[in-house]
Amino acid sequence: MDHVFSAIAPIFLIIGFGIFLKAKAGFTDDFWRVVEKLTFNGLFPSLLFVKIAAASIDWSVALPIAAIIVIGIHLTAFAAIPFRGLLKLNPERFVAVFQGGFRSNAYVGIAVTLGVIGDAATGAMAVSLFAVAVTINFLGVWGHLKWLDRPGGSKGWKGVFVDCVRNPLIIGCVLGGIFNITGWGLPPIVGPTLDLLSRAALPMGLMAVGAGLSLSAVRDAGLPVAMSCSFKLILQPAFTYGLGIALGLDGYALIVPVIFAALPTSSTSYVVSRQMGSDAHVMAAIVTATHLAAIVTLPVLLALIH
């Protein structure tokens, strides 16, 4: 438990530093938008490419890892549907609760995996990241199109597919996998350059996560937000762990997908809510509440399974 906590604590301290910089040090929203853009389009893809291209990866467990992630996300999402009627939620609020229960923050996932396990888990991390990114985007849009009565929505299925294909994190994973499978490894000059860039990815990305949190939104959090947090931080990792045991997975092939299932809700969920018409205020509360709660739930979960 001490080892897990000591590995995770710096991650949340850096997130907290991002909160401080935005609230007290004069770093404005415009600054953080630039940081987010740089991190998403350059630093994190560089990190993923470098780690995956040079890693020793057991690709034979890729399909089972992807399967338990995809199934776990769907089970969690559909388990939330009956609560729409039980809690008498309007469509906008329910869709926020729905997607808040399964969207994962990839930045935190990468940091936790590398911090707790190290480079040995790079292969499982790449597969987990890829499976999570594709599944949550398609399922999140499905929820908006189904319940908000917006035919085609502001972003239809074609747009989601294009976003997934063009997602820099996915591109970094795919290119790293190609260089790994072919045995090319890191290319000269370009490889060391990307390695230098990648070293800034985690601190910059985590501070940007902190700057994006809305502590004021949590004050209005009620039962729907608490329910979404429970689904995200407890139910989804439980489903994923159970499926992994059923498929006979162990070691990093089991631990890493459970980490990605137990992550706080992605900060981009707020942007999706604003774009597609669900309750962005509730979504902001869910994002912030899951990050605060994960300070406790992630170390406890990892201590149990690691």
Protein backbone atom coordinates (compact mmCIF):
# COMPACT_ATOMS: atom_id res chain seq x y z
CA MET A 1 0.00 0.00 0.00
CA ASP A 2 2.82 2.41 0.88
CA HIS A 3 4.54 1.74 -2.45
CA VAL A 4 1.35 2.35 -4.42
CA PHE A 5 0.49 5.53 -2.52
CA SER A 6 4.02 6.93 -2.87
CA ALA A 7 3.86 6.33 -6.63
CA ILE A 8 0.41 7.90 -7.09
CA ALA A 9 0.70 10.82 -4.64
CA PRO A 10 3.04 12.89 -6.86
CA ILE A 11 0.56 12.57 -9.73
CA PHE A 12 -2.23 14.15 -7.74
CA LEU A 13 0.12 16.74 -6.23
CA ILE A 14 0.99 17.90 -9.75
CA ILE A 15 -2.73 18.03 -10.59
CA GLY A 16 -3.19 20.12 -7.43
CA PHE A 17 -0.35 22.38 -8.54
CA GLY A 18 -2.28 23.01 -11.76
CA ILE A 19 -5.31 24.04 -9.69
CA PHE A 20 -3.10 26.42 -7.70
CA LEU A 21 -1.48 27.97 -10.78
CA LYS A 22 -4.84 28.76 -12.33
CA ALA A 23 -6.46 30.03 -9.13
CA LYS A 24 -3.62 31.96 -7.51
CA ALA A 25 -0.71 32.47 -9.89
CA GLY A 26 -2.39 34.32 -12.73
CA PHE A 27 -2.20 31.62 -15.40
CA THR A 28 -5.32 32.31 -17.45
CA ASP A 29 -7.65 30.05 -19.43
CA ASP A 30 -5.93 31.15 -22.64
CA PHE A 31 -2.60 29.86 -21.31
CA TRP A 32 -4.07 26.49 -20.32
CA ARG A 33 -5.78 26.07 -23.69
CA VAL A 34 -2.35 26.38 -25.33
CA VAL A 35 -0.88 23.88 -22.84
CA GLU A 36 -3.70 21.42 -23.50
CA LYS A 37 -3.25 21.74 -27.26
CA LEU A 38 0.52 21.24 -27.01
CA THR A 39 0.14 18.27 -24.67
CA PHE A 40 -2.56 16.55 -26.69
CA ASN A 41 -1.04 17.10 -30.13
CA GLY A 42 2.67 16.82 -29.38
CA LEU A 43 3.95 15.81 -25.96
CA PHE A 44 1.75 12.80 -25.15
CA PRO A 45 1.90 11.31 -28.67
CA SER A 46 5.71 11.60 -28.45
CA LEU A 47 5.67 9.81 -25.08
CA LEU A 48 3.49 7.00 -26.40
CA PHE A 49 5.54 6.53 -29.56
CA VAL A 50 8.85 6.43 -27.67
CA LYS A 51 7.63 4.05 -24.97
CA ILE A 52 5.87 1.65 -27.32
CA ALA A 53 8.48 1.60 -30.10
CA ALA A 54 11.25 0.62 -27.67
CA ALA A 55 9.24 -1.69 -25.40
CA SER A 56 9.23 -5.45 -25.08
CA ILE A 57 5.56 -6.21 -25.80
CA ASP A 58 3.58 -9.44 -25.59
CA TRP A 59 1.07 -8.84 -28.39
CA SER A 60 -0.63 -12.21 -27.74
CA VAL A 61 -2.65 -10.68 -24.87
CA ALA A 62 -3.74 -7.61 -26.84
CA LEU A 63 -7.13 -9.03 -27.88
CA PRO A 64 -8.14 -10.22 -24.37
CA ILE A 65 -7.12 -6.86 -22.88
CA ALA A 66 -9.15 -4.96 -25.47
CA ALA A 67 -12.09 -7.32 -24.95
CA ILE A 68 -12.36 -6.84 -21.19
CA ILE A 69 -12.08 -3.07 -21.57
CA VAL A 70 -14.73 -2.80 -24.27
CA ILE A 71 -17.13 -5.15 -22.51
CA GLY A 72 -16.49 -3.53 -19.11
CA ILE A 73 -17.28 -0.06 -20.46
CA HIS A 74 -20.50 -1.27 -22.08
CA LEU A 75 -21.64 -3.11 -18.96
CA THR A 76 -21.05 0.00 -16.86
CA ALA A 77 -22.83 2.28 -19.32
CA PHE A 78 -25.91 0.11 -19.65
CA ALA A 79 -26.10 -0.49 -15.90
CA ALA A 80 -26.72 3.25 -15.56
CA ILE A 81 -29.77 3.32 -17.84
CA PRO A 82 -32.40 2.20 -15.27
CA PHE A 83 -31.40 5.09 -13.00
CA ARG A 84 -32.77 7.61 -15.46
CA GLY A 85 -36.30 6.74 -14.39
CA LEU A 86 -35.49 5.99 -10.76
CA LEU A 87 -33.89 9.41 -10.23
CA LYS A 88 -36.31 11.19 -12.58
CA LEU A 89 -33.50 12.81 -14.53
CA ASN A 90 -34.18 14.97 -17.56
CA PRO A 91 -32.42 13.82 -20.77
CA GLU A 92 -29.65 16.44 -20.60
CA ARG A 93 -28.70 15.60 -17.03
CA PHE A 94 -28.97 11.86 -17.57
CA VAL A 95 -26.65 11.86 -20.58
CA ALA A 96 -24.04 13.73 -18.53
CA VAL A 97 -24.36 11.14 -15.75
CA PHE A 98 -24.32 8.34 -18.36
CA GLN A 99 -21.07 9.35 -20.06
CA GLY A 100 -19.47 10.47 -16.80
CA GLY A 101 -19.70 6.88 -15.62
CA PHE A 102 -17.41 5.42 -18.28
CA ARG A 103 -15.13 8.12 -19.79
CA SER A 104 -11.53 7.80 -18.54
CA ASN A 105 -8.76 10.40 -18.27
CA ALA A 106 -5.94 8.96 -20.39
CA TYR A 107 -3.36 11.43 -19.06
CA VAL A 108 -3.81 10.18 -15.51
CA GLY A 109 -3.86 6.58 -16.74
CA ILE A 110 -0.50 6.90 -18.48
CA ALA A 111 1.02 8.62 -15.45
CA VAL A 112 -0.30 6.02 -12.99
CA THR A 113 0.77 3.07 -15.14
CA LEU A 114 4.30 4.34 -15.65
CA GLY A 115 4.58 5.54 -12.05
CA VAL A 116 3.34 2.37 -10.36
CA ILE A 117 4.57 -0.32 -12.78
CA GLY A 118 7.06 1.29 -15.14
CA ASP A 119 8.03 0.61 -18.75
CA ALA A 120 7.33 -3.11 -18.38
CA ALA A 121 3.62 -2.34 -18.69
CA THR A 122 3.94 -0.27 -21.87
CA GLY A 123 2.37 -2.87 -24.16
CA ALA A 124 -0.68 -3.38 -21.98
CA MET A 125 -0.95 0.39 -21.56
CA ALA A 126 -0.97 0.96 -25.33
CA VAL A 127 -3.71 -1.60 -25.94
CA SER A 128 -5.75 -0.26 -23.02
CA LEU A 129 -5.44 3.33 -24.19
CA PHE A 130 -6.47 2.43 -27.73
CA ALA A 131 -9.47 0.37 -26.64
CA VAL A 132 -10.65 3.00 -24.15
CA ALA A 133 -10.32 5.93 -26.57
CA VAL A 134 -12.30 4.30 -29.37
CA THR A 135 -15.02 2.81 -27.16
CA ILE A 136 -15.80 5.88 -25.03
CA ASN A 137 -16.02 8.14 -28.06
CA PHE A 138 -18.48 5.96 -29.93
CA LEU A 139 -20.56 5.09 -26.87
CA GLY A 140 -20.64 8.68 -25.66
CA VAL A 141 -21.97 9.92 -28.97
CA TRP A 142 -24.51 7.08 -29.08
CA GLY A 143 -25.91 8.29 -25.74
CA HIS A 144 -26.28 11.86 -26.97
CA LEU A 145 -27.98 10.79 -30.19
CA LYS A 146 -30.32 8.37 -28.44
CA TRP A 147 -31.66 10.51 -25.59
CA LEU A 148 -31.32 14.12 -26.66
CA ASP A 149 -33.48 13.82 -29.77
CA ARG A 150 -30.93 15.58 -31.95
CA PRO A 151 -30.90 13.66 -35.27
CA GLY A 152 -27.30 13.42 -36.38
CA GLY A 153 -26.31 15.65 -33.45
CA SER A 154 -23.64 18.30 -33.82
CA LYS A 155 -21.25 15.47 -34.61
CA GLY A 156 -22.57 12.31 -36.28
CA TRP A 157 -20.98 8.89 -36.57
CA LYS A 158 -18.74 9.89 -39.46
CA GLY A 159 -17.30 12.73 -37.39
CA VAL A 160 -16.62 10.40 -34.47
CA PHE A 161 -14.85 7.91 -36.73
CA VAL A 162 -12.70 10.66 -38.23
CA ASP A 163 -11.88 11.98 -34.74
CA CYS A 164 -10.76 8.51 -33.63
CA VAL A 165 -8.58 8.00 -36.71
CA ARG A 166 -7.05 11.47 -36.34
CA ASN A 167 -6.65 11.31 -32.54
CA PRO A 168 -2.95 12.08 -31.85
CA LEU A 169 -2.84 9.63 -28.93
CA ILE A 170 -4.12 6.81 -31.12
CA ILE A 171 -1.70 7.79 -33.89
CA GLY A 172 1.18 7.70 -31.38
CA CYS A 173 0.13 4.21 -30.24
CA VAL A 174 -0.24 2.87 -33.79
CA LEU A 175 3.06 4.29 -35.05
CA GLY A 176 4.87 3.05 -31.94
CA GLY A 177 3.34 -0.40 -32.47
CA ILE A 178 4.47 -0.47 -36.11
CA PHE A 179 8.05 0.44 -35.18
CA ASN A 180 7.95 -2.17 -32.40
CA ILE A 181 6.57 -5.04 -34.48
CA THR A 182 8.95 -4.39 -37.38
CA GLY A 183 11.91 -4.24 -35.02
CA TRP A 184 12.92 -0.79 -36.22
CA GLY A 185 12.95 0.62 -32.70
CA LEU A 186 13.50 4.32 -32.20
CA PRO A 187 14.78 6.03 -35.37
CA PRO A 188 18.05 7.97 -35.10
CA ILE A 189 17.86 11.72 -34.44
CA VAL A 190 14.04 11.72 -34.51
CA GLY A 191 13.83 9.17 -31.71
CA PRO A 192 16.02 11.10 -29.22
CA THR A 193 14.21 14.31 -30.16
CA LEU A 194 10.82 12.78 -29.39
CA ASP A 195 12.25 11.30 -26.20
CA LEU A 196 13.22 14.79 -25.00
CA LEU A 197 9.74 16.08 -25.82
CA SER A 198 8.11 13.15 -24.06
CA ARG A 199 9.73 14.05 -20.73
CA ALA A 200 7.54 17.16 -20.51
CA ALA A 201 4.33 15.25 -21.26
CA LEU A 202 3.34 14.04 -17.80
CA PRO A 203 3.95 17.23 -15.76
CA MET A 204 2.40 19.50 -18.39
CA GLY A 205 -0.56 17.21 -19.00
CA LEU A 206 -1.30 16.69 -15.32
CA MET A 207 -1.11 20.41 -14.52
CA ALA A 208 -3.52 21.04 -17.39
CA VAL A 209 -5.90 18.47 -15.89
CA GLY A 210 -5.82 20.35 -12.59
CA ALA A 211 -6.40 23.69 -14.26
CA GLY A 212 -9.46 22.26 -16.00
CA LEU A 213 -11.19 21.12 -12.82
CA SER A 214 -14.11 23.12 -11.42
CA LEU A 215 -14.15 22.97 -7.64
CA SER A 216 -17.19 25.27 -7.49
CA ALA A 217 -19.23 22.80 -9.55
CA VAL A 218 -18.78 20.11 -6.89
CA ARG A 219 -20.65 22.24 -4.34
CA ASP A 220 -23.83 21.60 -6.32
CA ALA A 221 -23.14 17.88 -6.63
CA GLY A 222 -26.04 15.69 -5.66
CA LEU A 223 -27.12 12.09 -5.98
CA PRO A 224 -26.72 11.92 -9.80
CA VAL A 225 -23.09 13.05 -9.53
CA ALA A 226 -22.40 10.61 -6.69
CA MET A 227 -23.94 7.80 -8.73
CA SER A 228 -21.83 8.61 -11.79
CA CYS A 229 -18.70 8.67 -9.62
CA SER A 230 -19.57 5.27 -8.15
CA PHE A 231 -20.08 3.76 -11.58
CA LYS A 232 -16.80 5.18 -12.86
CA LEU A 233 -14.52 4.47 -9.90
CA ILE A 234 -16.04 1.28 -8.49
CA LEU A 235 -18.35 -0.54 -10.89
CA GLN A 236 -16.30 -0.25 -14.07
CA PRO A 237 -13.04 -1.52 -12.51
CA ALA A 238 -15.00 -4.32 -10.80
CA PHE A 239 -16.49 -5.42 -14.13
CA THR A 240 -13.10 -5.22 -15.84
CA TYR A 241 -11.33 -7.17 -13.11
CA GLY A 242 -14.00 -9.88 -13.09
CA LEU A 243 -13.84 -10.24 -16.88
CA GLY A 244 -10.04 -10.40 -16.76
CA ILE A 245 -10.11 -13.19 -14.17
CA ALA A 246 -12.71 -15.05 -16.25
CA LEU A 247 -10.42 -14.87 -19.31
CA GLY A 248 -7.43 -16.05 -17.29
CA LEU A 249 -5.45 -12.80 -17.48
CA ASP A 250 -2.84 -12.04 -14.84
CA GLY A 251 0.10 -9.75 -14.20
CA TYR A 252 0.27 -6.53 -16.18
CA ALA A 253 -2.30 -7.82 -18.68
CA LEU A 254 -4.86 -7.68 -15.85
CA ILE A 255 -3.59 -4.79 -13.72
CA VAL A 256 -3.25 -2.19 -16.49
CA PRO A 257 -6.77 -2.47 -17.96
CA VAL A 258 -8.16 -2.30 -14.42
CA ILE A 259 -6.16 0.90 -13.88
CA PHE A 260 -7.66 2.40 -17.03
CA ALA A 261 -11.13 1.32 -15.91
CA ALA A 262 -10.66 2.96 -12.49
CA LEU A 263 -9.51 6.36 -13.76
CA PRO A 264 -11.39 9.60 -13.05
CA THR A 265 -13.66 10.95 -15.76
CA SER A 266 -11.92 12.61 -18.70
CA SER A 267 -11.80 16.41 -18.70
CA THR A 268 -12.79 16.37 -22.38
CA SER A 269 -16.21 15.07 -21.32
CA TYR A 270 -17.11 18.67 -20.44
CA VAL A 271 -16.27 19.78 -23.98
CA VAL A 272 -18.34 16.93 -25.43
CA SER A 273 -21.30 17.94 -23.26
CA ARG A 274 -21.12 21.54 -24.42
CA GLN A 275 -20.85 20.53 -28.07
CA MET A 276 -23.63 17.94 -28.06
CA GLY A 277 -26.17 19.40 -25.66
CA SER A 278 -26.01 17.44 -22.39
CA ASP A 279 -25.74 19.19 -19.00
CA ALA A 280 -22.23 20.68 -19.00
CA HIS A 281 -22.52 21.93 -15.39
CA VAL A 282 -23.28 18.44 -14.08
CA MET A 283 -20.50 17.09 -16.28
CA ALA A 284 -18.00 19.53 -14.75
CA ALA A 285 -19.07 18.39 -11.28
CA ILE A 286 -18.60 14.73 -12.24
CA VAL A 287 -15.14 15.36 -13.71
CA THR A 288 -13.97 17.21 -10.61
CA ALA A 289 -15.61 14.85 -8.11
CA THR A 290 -14.09 11.75 -9.72
CA HIS A 291 -10.62 13.29 -9.65
CA LEU A 292 -10.97 14.15 -5.97
CA ALA A 293 -12.39 10.73 -5.09
CA ALA A 294 -9.74 8.90 -7.13
CA ILE A 295 -7.10 10.19 -4.71
CA VAL A 296 -8.51 7.55 -2.36
CA THR A 297 -10.00 4.92 -4.65
CA LEU A 298 -7.02 4.41 -6.98
CA PRO A 299 -4.41 3.64 -4.28
CA VAL A 300 -6.83 1.33 -2.47
CA LEU A 301 -7.74 -0.53 -5.66
CA LEU A 302 -4.12 -0.92 -6.76
CA ALA A 303 -3.08 -2.10 -3.31
CA LEU A 304 -5.72 -4.83 -3.59
CA ILE A 305 -4.76 -6.08 -7.05
CA HIS A 306 -1.06 -5.21 -7.50
